[in-house]
Protein backbone atom coordinates (compact mmCIF):
# COMPACT_ATOMS: atom_id res chain seq x y z
CA MET A 1 -145.05 -84.54 9.21
CA TYR A 2 -141.95 -82.36 9.52
CA SER A 3 -138.81 -83.66 7.89
CA PRO A 4 -135.40 -82.01 8.87
CA PRO A 5 -133.24 -80.67 6.03
CA PRO A 6 -130.33 -82.91 4.95
CA SER A 7 -127.12 -82.35 6.90
CA SER A 8 -124.40 -80.44 5.13
CA THR A 9 -121.58 -82.03 7.22
CA GLY A 10 -121.02 -85.01 4.88
CA THR A 11 -121.11 -82.81 1.79
CA SER A 12 -118.60 -80.39 3.30
CA ARG A 13 -116.19 -83.22 4.11
CA ARG A 14 -116.39 -84.55 0.57
CA ASN A 15 -115.81 -81.10 -0.84
CA ILE A 16 -112.76 -80.60 1.41
CA PHE A 17 -111.32 -83.97 0.36
CA ILE A 18 -111.83 -83.22 -3.33
CA ALA A 19 -110.26 -79.80 -2.93
CA ASN A 20 -107.21 -81.25 -1.18
CA ALA A 21 -106.81 -84.30 -3.45
CA PRO A 22 -104.02 -82.74 -5.62
CA ILE A 23 -102.01 -81.85 -2.53
CA LEU A 24 -102.43 -85.36 -1.11
CA ALA A 25 -101.37 -86.87 -4.43
CA ILE A 26 -98.23 -84.74 -4.54
CA CYS A 27 -97.37 -85.71 -0.96
CA GLY A 28 -97.87 -89.37 -1.87
CA LEU A 29 -95.49 -89.07 -4.85
CA PHE A 30 -92.86 -87.37 -2.70
CA PHE A 31 -93.17 -90.19 -0.17
CA ILE A 32 -92.70 -92.81 -2.89
CA PHE A 33 -89.63 -90.98 -4.26
CA PHE A 34 -88.23 -90.79 -0.73
CA ILE A 35 -88.61 -94.55 -0.27
CA ILE A 36 -86.88 -95.22 -3.62
CA ALA A 37 -83.99 -92.88 -2.79
CA ALA A 38 -83.53 -94.41 0.66
CA THR A 39 -83.47 -97.90 -0.87
CA ILE A 40 -80.75 -96.88 -3.33
CA VAL A 41 -78.62 -95.29 -0.61
CA LEU A 42 -78.92 -98.33 1.63
CA ALA A 43 -77.96 -100.61 -1.27
CA LEU A 44 -74.80 -98.58 -1.95
CA ILE A 45 -73.54 -98.62 1.63
CA PRO A 46 -71.97 -102.14 1.41
CA LEU A 47 -70.12 -101.14 -1.77
CA TYR A 48 -68.74 -98.06 -0.05
CA LEU A 49 -67.60 -100.05 2.98
CA GLU A 50 -65.77 -102.56 0.74
CA THR A 51 -63.78 -99.91 -1.13
CA LYS A 52 -63.24 -97.19 1.45
CA ASP A 53 -59.76 -98.52 2.36
CA ALA A 54 -58.58 -98.53 -1.29
CA PRO A 55 -56.43 -95.60 -2.38
CA SER A 56 -58.27 -92.88 -4.23
CA VAL A 57 -55.46 -92.66 -6.81
CA GLY A 58 -55.08 -95.00 -9.77
CA ARG A 59 -52.10 -96.89 -8.35
CA SER A 60 -51.47 -98.68 -5.09
CA PRO A 61 -48.36 -97.98 -3.00
CA THR A 62 -45.13 -99.57 -4.20
CA TYR A 63 -44.53 -103.15 -3.03
CA TYR A 64 -41.48 -105.42 -3.25
CA ALA A 65 -41.03 -108.94 -4.61
CA THR A 66 -38.07 -111.28 -4.14
CA MET A 67 -38.21 -113.99 -6.80
CA GLU A 68 -36.07 -117.10 -6.32
CA PRO A 69 -35.41 -118.84 -9.67
CA GLY A 70 -35.27 -122.58 -10.12
CA GLU A 71 -31.99 -122.19 -12.01
CA THR A 72 -28.92 -119.97 -12.15
CA LEU A 73 -29.48 -116.67 -13.95
CA PRO A 74 -26.96 -114.07 -15.11
CA GLU A 75 -26.99 -110.76 -13.30
CA GLY A 76 -28.58 -107.83 -15.06
CA THR A 77 -31.97 -106.22 -15.72
CA LEU A 78 -35.05 -107.56 -17.50
CA ASP A 79 -36.07 -106.15 -20.87
CA ALA A 80 -39.53 -104.72 -21.61
CA GLN A 81 -40.94 -107.97 -23.03
CA SER A 82 -39.83 -109.91 -19.95
CA ILE A 83 -41.53 -107.40 -17.64
CA LYS A 84 -44.72 -107.74 -19.69
CA ASN A 85 -44.47 -111.53 -19.39
CA LEU A 86 -44.08 -111.21 -15.62
CA ASN A 87 -47.08 -108.88 -15.39
CA ASP A 88 -49.24 -111.30 -17.38
CA ALA A 89 -48.06 -114.32 -15.36
CA LEU A 90 -48.83 -112.58 -12.07
CA ASP A 91 -52.27 -111.46 -13.28
CA THR A 92 -53.07 -115.05 -14.27
CA THR A 93 -51.68 -116.65 -11.10
CA LEU A 94 -53.50 -114.19 -8.83
CA ASN A 95 -56.70 -114.54 -10.89
CA LEU A 96 -56.77 -110.82 -11.64
CA GLN A 97 -57.94 -108.89 -14.66
CA LYS A 98 -55.17 -108.27 -17.20
CA GLY A 99 -53.32 -105.06 -16.44
CA SER A 100 -53.75 -105.27 -12.64
CA VAL A 101 -50.06 -105.84 -11.85
CA ASN A 102 -47.53 -103.21 -12.89
CA ILE A 103 -43.84 -104.09 -12.41
CA ILE A 104 -41.71 -100.95 -12.09
CA THR A 105 -38.18 -102.36 -11.85
CA ALA A 106 -36.77 -105.89 -12.27
CA THR A 107 -33.13 -106.63 -11.43
CA VAL A 108 -31.33 -109.97 -11.25
CA ALA A 109 -28.56 -109.75 -8.66
CA ALA A 110 -26.91 -111.64 -5.84
CA GLY A 111 -28.92 -111.42 -2.66
CA SER A 112 -26.02 -110.79 -0.32
CA LYS A 113 -23.42 -108.04 -0.58
CA LYS A 114 -20.98 -110.12 1.47
CA ARG A 115 -20.98 -112.85 -1.14
CA LYS A 116 -20.12 -110.30 -3.80
CA ARG A 117 -16.87 -109.47 -1.97
CA ARG A 118 -15.64 -113.04 -1.59
CA ALA A 119 -12.74 -114.54 -3.50
CA LEU A 120 -13.01 -115.63 -7.12
CA THR A 121 -13.00 -119.26 -5.98
CA ARG A 122 -16.51 -118.67 -4.61
CA LYS A 123 -17.75 -117.18 -7.90
CA ARG A 124 -19.84 -120.22 -8.83
CA GLN A 125 -21.60 -120.25 -5.46
CA ARG A 126 -22.23 -116.51 -5.68
CA ARG A 127 -23.76 -116.75 -9.13
CA ALA A 128 -25.99 -119.62 -8.06
CA THR A 129 -27.63 -117.40 -5.43
CA THR A 130 -28.85 -114.72 -7.84
CA LYS A 131 -32.45 -113.65 -7.40
CA LEU A 132 -34.86 -111.40 -9.24
CA PHE A 133 -35.76 -108.31 -7.23
CA CYS A 134 -38.81 -106.34 -8.36
CA THR A 135 -40.73 -103.28 -7.32
CA PHE A 136 -44.36 -103.17 -8.41
CA ASN A 137 -47.80 -101.77 -7.74
CA PHE A 138 -51.41 -102.55 -8.59
CA ASN A 139 -53.65 -100.67 -10.99
CA ILE A 140 -56.55 -99.84 -8.66
CA LYS A 141 -58.71 -98.66 -11.56
CA VAL A 142 -58.51 -102.14 -13.11
CA CYS A 143 -58.57 -104.05 -9.82
CA PRO A 144 -60.21 -102.09 -6.95
CA ARG A 145 -59.86 -104.99 -4.52
CA CYS A 146 -56.08 -105.02 -5.03
CA GLY A 147 -55.81 -102.00 -2.73
CA ARG A 148 -57.52 -103.70 0.21
CA GLN A 149 -55.51 -105.14 3.08
CA GLY A 150 -57.55 -108.34 3.12
CA PHE A 151 -56.50 -109.10 -0.45
CA LEU A 152 -52.85 -108.19 0.06
CA LYS A 153 -52.48 -110.58 2.99
CA THR A 154 -53.45 -113.53 0.76
CA ILE A 155 -50.52 -113.20 -1.67
CA THR A 156 -47.39 -113.18 0.49
CA ARG A 157 -45.84 -116.16 -1.37
CA ILE A 158 -46.67 -117.56 -4.83
CA THR A 159 -45.05 -119.50 -7.70
CA ILE A 160 -45.08 -118.61 -11.39
CA ALA A 161 -43.50 -119.95 -14.58
CA VAL A 162 -42.39 -117.34 -17.12
CA ARG A 163 -40.06 -116.75 -20.06
CA ILE A 164 -37.57 -113.91 -19.68
CA TRP A 165 -34.57 -112.20 -21.28
CA ILE A 166 -31.84 -110.46 -19.28
CA ILE A 167 -29.68 -107.50 -20.27
CA ASP A 168 -26.39 -108.29 -18.50
CA ILE A 169 -23.96 -105.78 -17.01
CA TYR A 170 -22.24 -105.45 -20.39
CA GLY A 171 -25.48 -104.55 -22.18
CA ILE A 172 -25.74 -107.95 -23.90
CA LEU A 173 -29.25 -109.42 -24.20
CA ARG A 174 -29.19 -113.00 -22.92
CA GLY A 175 -31.90 -115.59 -23.07
CA PRO A 176 -34.57 -116.66 -23.36
CA PHE A 177 -34.79 -118.39 -19.98
CA SER A 178 -37.88 -120.41 -19.07
CA VAL A 179 -37.88 -120.03 -15.31
CA THR A 180 -40.07 -121.04 -12.40
CA PHE A 181 -39.94 -118.40 -9.67
CA THR A 182 -40.95 -118.73 -6.04
CA ILE A 183 -42.03 -115.23 -5.09
CA THR A 184 -42.09 -113.63 -1.66
CA ILE A 185 -44.05 -110.36 -1.45
CA SER A 186 -43.08 -107.63 1.01
CA TYR A 187 -45.33 -104.67 1.79
CA ILE A 188 -42.56 -102.76 3.54
CA GLU A 189 -39.49 -101.39 1.80
CA ILE A 190 -36.56 -103.77 1.35
CA PRO A 191 -33.11 -103.03 -0.11
CA ILE A 192 -33.03 -103.78 -3.85
CA PRO A 193 -29.54 -104.70 -5.15
CA THR A 194 -28.43 -103.01 -8.36
CA THR A 195 -26.18 -104.34 -11.08
CA SER A 196 -24.00 -101.22 -10.83
CA ALA A 197 -22.74 -102.55 -7.49
CA LEU A 198 -21.68 -105.89 -8.94
CA PRO A 199 -17.95 -106.64 -9.33
CA VAL A 200 -16.67 -107.15 -12.87
CA THR A 201 -15.31 -110.52 -11.76
CA THR A 202 -18.82 -111.93 -11.79
CA VAL A 203 -18.58 -112.37 -15.56
CA THR A 204 -15.08 -112.07 -17.01
CA PRO A 205 -14.87 -111.37 -20.76
CA THR A 206 -12.24 -113.35 -22.64
CA PRO A 207 -9.69 -111.72 -24.99
CA LYS A 208 -11.49 -113.32 -27.95
CA LEU A 209 -14.43 -110.99 -27.42
CA VAL A 210 -12.27 -107.90 -27.80
CA GLY A 211 -12.07 -106.44 -31.31
């Protein structure tokens, strides 16, 4: 009885598959790497969206703080230790990493120029309205979220307790003062009074101090 020869179709297909197996394996690896890379990129997108509005430089723009003390303070400027104390107090109050807040200038002065020009009989009232005016920025490298508008809108008014020393208009270091400040933050420029504009009648030296 005649028996047909075995078909070579199945053998040919197996041979083709074996011959192409390395190429298929390489394609499979490339596909796996593509999936991994796409997953990483997709995971990083939310992080990019959260920080895209933060400045690319290390510091935020300059902001302004008006600090109303709970007691009368002499007019003058804060020394370096007092500025450090303010920075630390603000970091703690705002729940930020240490070094996030950077105070640039800190001046204690009367808040109204008109009051500075009034008669000497109003001197006590004028001195009781002194405030601490500060310019500051945030260290974006330490606190990336500090450059975002959503964060800035949450800290328009805060209260801190801090110990400070003041260099008065005669260069005399006065203090320490343990003060509670109510702070109003402004993100637009405001006029900052300077001690150089203060009249000498604010604090009048007595003849005993001379010589």
